[in-house]
Amino acid sequence: MDQTNTIVWRWDNPTHSEPTSPMKTGGGYLRFINGPYHYIVYAAIGKDWGAKDGVAVEKNNQGIANLECQDIPVSNLSEEFFTRAGLSADQDEFQIPGID
């Protein structure tokens, strides 16, 4: 994405209803774009890796920093939030750092 001073989002919530694990998986993020820098605020949960929340920084599509939340995060990220805010869906893919 080549836009400057842009905010975009993505929300993924593929709920898994497995008898052995009622945990839901999914997550969302906001990407703030300022020239070659992308600041990604993310909140996600996965069956195999638990909760991941933080801020990742990319420059020219390369990860240069990842700051994970040190306390219990409070997140209002949801598809409803993004829709109400009138934000465009992100066309780029974001992979949470440290998740294989």
C-alpha atoms as a PDB file:
ATOM      1  CA  MET A   1       0.000   0.000   0.000  1.00  0.00           C
ATOM      2  CA  ASP A   2       1.620   3.261  -1.140  1.00  0.00           C
ATOM      3  CA  GLN A   3      -0.701   5.751   0.542  1.00  0.00           C
ATOM      4  CA  THR A   4       0.655   8.266   3.032  1.00  0.00           C
ATOM      5  CA  ASN A   5      -1.092   9.165   6.297  1.00  0.00           C
ATOM      6  CA  THR A   6      -3.659   6.386   5.975  1.00  0.00           C
ATOM      7  CA  ILE A   7      -5.468   4.211   8.508  1.00  0.00           C
ATOM      8  CA  VAL A   8      -6.776   0.807   7.411  1.00  0.00           C
ATOM      9  CA  TRP A   9      -7.993  -2.291   9.248  1.00  0.00           C
ATOM     10  CA  ARG A  10      -8.657  -5.995   9.031  1.00  0.00           C
ATOM     11  CA  TRP A  11     -10.737  -8.269  11.284  1.00  0.00           C
ATOM     12  CA  ASP A  12     -10.664 -12.043  11.174  1.00  0.00           C
ATOM     13  CA  ASN A  13     -12.888 -14.139  13.403  1.00  0.00           C
ATOM     14  CA  PRO A  14     -13.022 -17.770  12.277  1.00  0.00           C
ATOM     15  CA  THR A  15     -14.692 -19.228  15.360  1.00  0.00           C
ATOM     16  CA  HIS A  16     -13.689 -22.799  16.087  1.00  0.00           C
ATOM     17  CA  SER A  17     -16.150 -24.841  18.130  1.00  0.00           C
ATOM     18  CA  GLU A  18     -14.203 -27.887  19.141  1.00  0.00           C
ATOM     19  CA  PRO A  19     -15.477 -30.042  22.027  1.00  0.00           C
ATOM     20  CA  THR A  20     -12.068 -30.108  23.715  1.00  0.00           C
ATOM     21  CA  SER A  21     -11.413 -26.369  23.472  1.00  0.00           C
ATOM     22  CA  PRO A  22     -14.146 -23.731  23.668  1.00  0.00           C
ATOM     23  CA  MET A  23     -11.570 -20.971  23.012  1.00  0.00           C
ATOM     24  CA  LYS A  24     -12.364 -18.793  20.030  1.00  0.00           C
ATOM     25  CA  THR A  25      -9.709 -17.639  17.609  1.00  0.00           C
ATOM     26  CA  GLY A  26      -9.442 -14.467  15.613  1.00  0.00           C
ATOM     27  CA  GLY A  27      -8.164 -10.959  15.807  1.00  0.00           C
ATOM     28  CA  GLY A  28      -7.908  -7.576  14.259  1.00  0.00           C
ATOM     29  CA  TYR A  29      -5.535  -4.718  13.704  1.00  0.00           C
ATOM     30  CA  LEU A  30      -5.258  -1.085  12.724  1.00  0.00           C
ATOM     31  CA  ARG A  31      -2.490  -0.077  10.334  1.00  0.00           C
ATOM     32  CA  PHE A  32      -1.353   3.570  10.473  1.00  0.00           C
ATOM     33  CA  ILE A  33       0.701   4.490   7.402  1.00  0.00           C
ATOM     34  CA  ASN A  34       3.126   7.399   7.330  1.00  0.00           C
ATOM     35  CA  GLY A  35       5.364   7.281   4.271  1.00  0.00           C
ATOM     36  CA  PRO A  36       7.567   4.167   4.403  1.00  0.00           C
ATOM     37  CA  TYR A  37       6.556   3.492   8.041  1.00  0.00           C
ATOM     38  CA  HIS A  38       3.603   1.305   9.018  1.00  0.00           C
ATOM     39  CA  TYR A  39       2.472   1.171  12.665  1.00  0.00           C
ATOM     40  CA  ILE A  40       0.222  -1.822  13.335  1.00  0.00           C
ATOM     41  CA  VAL A  41      -1.798  -2.061  16.555  1.00  0.00           C
ATOM     42  CA  TYR A  42      -3.018  -5.649  16.896  1.00  0.00           C
ATOM     43  CA  ALA A  43      -5.078  -7.871  19.193  1.00  0.00           C
ATOM     44  CA  ALA A  44      -5.546 -11.577  18.474  1.00  0.00           C
ATOM     45  CA  ILE A  45      -6.079 -14.934  20.119  1.00  0.00           C
ATOM     46  CA  GLY A  46      -5.186 -18.382  18.808  1.00  0.00           C
ATOM     47  CA  LYS A  47      -5.812 -21.901  20.027  1.00  0.00           C
ATOM     48  CA  ASP A  48      -2.132 -22.871  19.879  1.00  0.00           C
ATOM     49  CA  TRP A  49      -0.493 -19.590  20.974  1.00  0.00           C
ATOM     50  CA  GLY A  50      -2.999 -17.779  23.217  1.00  0.00           C
ATOM     51  CA  ALA A  51      -3.472 -13.998  23.248  1.00  0.00           C
ATOM     52  CA  LYS A  52      -1.119 -11.647  21.413  1.00  0.00           C
ATOM     53  CA  ASP A  53      -1.516  -7.882  21.646  1.00  0.00           C
ATOM     54  CA  GLY A  54       0.879  -5.089  20.790  1.00  0.00           C
ATOM     55  CA  VAL A  55       2.282  -2.674  18.257  1.00  0.00           C
ATOM     56  CA  ALA A  56       4.471  -3.694  15.321  1.00  0.00           C
ATOM     57  CA  VAL A  57       6.491  -1.239  13.235  1.00  0.00           C
ATOM     58  CA  GLU A  58       7.469  -1.847   9.612  1.00  0.00           C
ATOM     59  CA  LYS A  59       9.621   0.239   7.284  1.00  0.00           C
ATOM     60  CA  ASN A  60       9.516  -0.486   3.559  1.00  0.00           C
ATOM     61  CA  ASN A  61       7.560  -3.700   4.294  1.00  0.00           C
ATOM     62  CA  GLN A  62      10.220  -5.030   6.701  1.00  0.00           C
ATOM     63  CA  GLY A  63       9.514  -5.526  10.409  1.00  0.00           C
ATOM     64  CA  ILE A  64      11.772  -3.293  12.514  1.00  0.00           C
ATOM     65  CA  ALA A  65      10.080  -3.488  15.947  1.00  0.00           C
ATOM     66  CA  ASN A  66       7.417  -5.385  17.861  1.00  0.00           C
ATOM     67  CA  LEU A  67       6.257  -4.175  21.258  1.00  0.00           C
ATOM     68  CA  GLU A  68       3.973  -6.680  22.973  1.00  0.00           C
ATOM     69  CA  CYS A  69       1.588  -5.490  25.669  1.00  0.00           C
ATOM     70  CA  GLN A  70       3.059  -6.010  29.132  1.00  0.00           C
ATOM     71  CA  ASP A  71      -0.272  -5.940  30.958  1.00  0.00           C
ATOM     72  CA  ILE A  72      -3.770  -7.178  30.222  1.00  0.00           C
ATOM     73  CA  PRO A  73      -4.837  -5.167  27.163  1.00  0.00           C
ATOM     74  CA  VAL A  74      -8.209  -3.503  26.837  1.00  0.00           C
ATOM     75  CA  SER A  75      -9.289  -3.706  23.211  1.00  0.00           C
ATOM     76  CA  ASN A  76     -12.354  -2.377  21.458  1.00  0.00           C
ATOM     77  CA  LEU A  77     -11.226  -3.690  18.074  1.00  0.00           C
ATOM     78  CA  SER A  78     -14.116  -5.351  16.278  1.00  0.00           C
ATOM     79  CA  GLU A  79     -15.673  -5.340  12.845  1.00  0.00           C
ATOM     80  CA  GLU A  80     -18.443  -3.110  14.222  1.00  0.00           C
ATOM     81  CA  PHE A  81     -15.861  -0.595  15.507  1.00  0.00           C
ATOM     82  CA  PHE A  82     -14.113  -0.413  12.130  1.00  0.00           C
ATOM     83  CA  THR A  83     -17.400  -0.043  10.242  1.00  0.00           C
ATOM     84  CA  ARG A  84     -18.651   2.739  12.517  1.00  0.00           C
ATOM     85  CA  ALA A  85     -15.324   4.526  12.113  1.00  0.00           C
ATOM     86  CA  GLY A  86     -15.662   4.352   8.306  1.00  0.00           C
ATOM     87  CA  LEU A  87     -12.194   2.849   7.829  1.00  0.00           C
ATOM     88  CA  SER A  88     -11.187   0.988   4.666  1.00  0.00           C
ATOM     89  CA  ALA A  89     -10.262  -2.684   4.848  1.00  0.00           C
ATOM     90  CA  ASP A  90      -6.524  -3.341   4.612  1.00  0.00           C
ATOM     91  CA  GLN A  91      -5.445  -4.949   1.337  1.00  0.00           C
ATOM     92  CA  ASP A  92      -2.055  -5.994   2.758  1.00  0.00           C
ATOM     93  CA  GLU A  93      -1.553  -9.084   4.903  1.00  0.00           C
ATOM     94  CA  PHE A  94      -0.194  -8.680   8.428  1.00  0.00           C
ATOM     95  CA  GLN A  95       1.379 -11.603  10.248  1.00  0.00           C
ATOM     96  CA  ILE A  96       1.751 -11.239  14.016  1.00  0.00           C
ATOM     97  CA  PRO A  97       5.485 -11.353  14.816  1.00  0.00           C
ATOM     98  CA  GLY A  98       6.564 -14.573  16.535  1.00  0.00           C
ATOM     99  CA  ILE A  99       3.669 -16.681  15.229  1.00  0.00           C
ATOM    100  CA  ASP A 100       4.714 -19.477  12.861  1.00  0.00           C
END
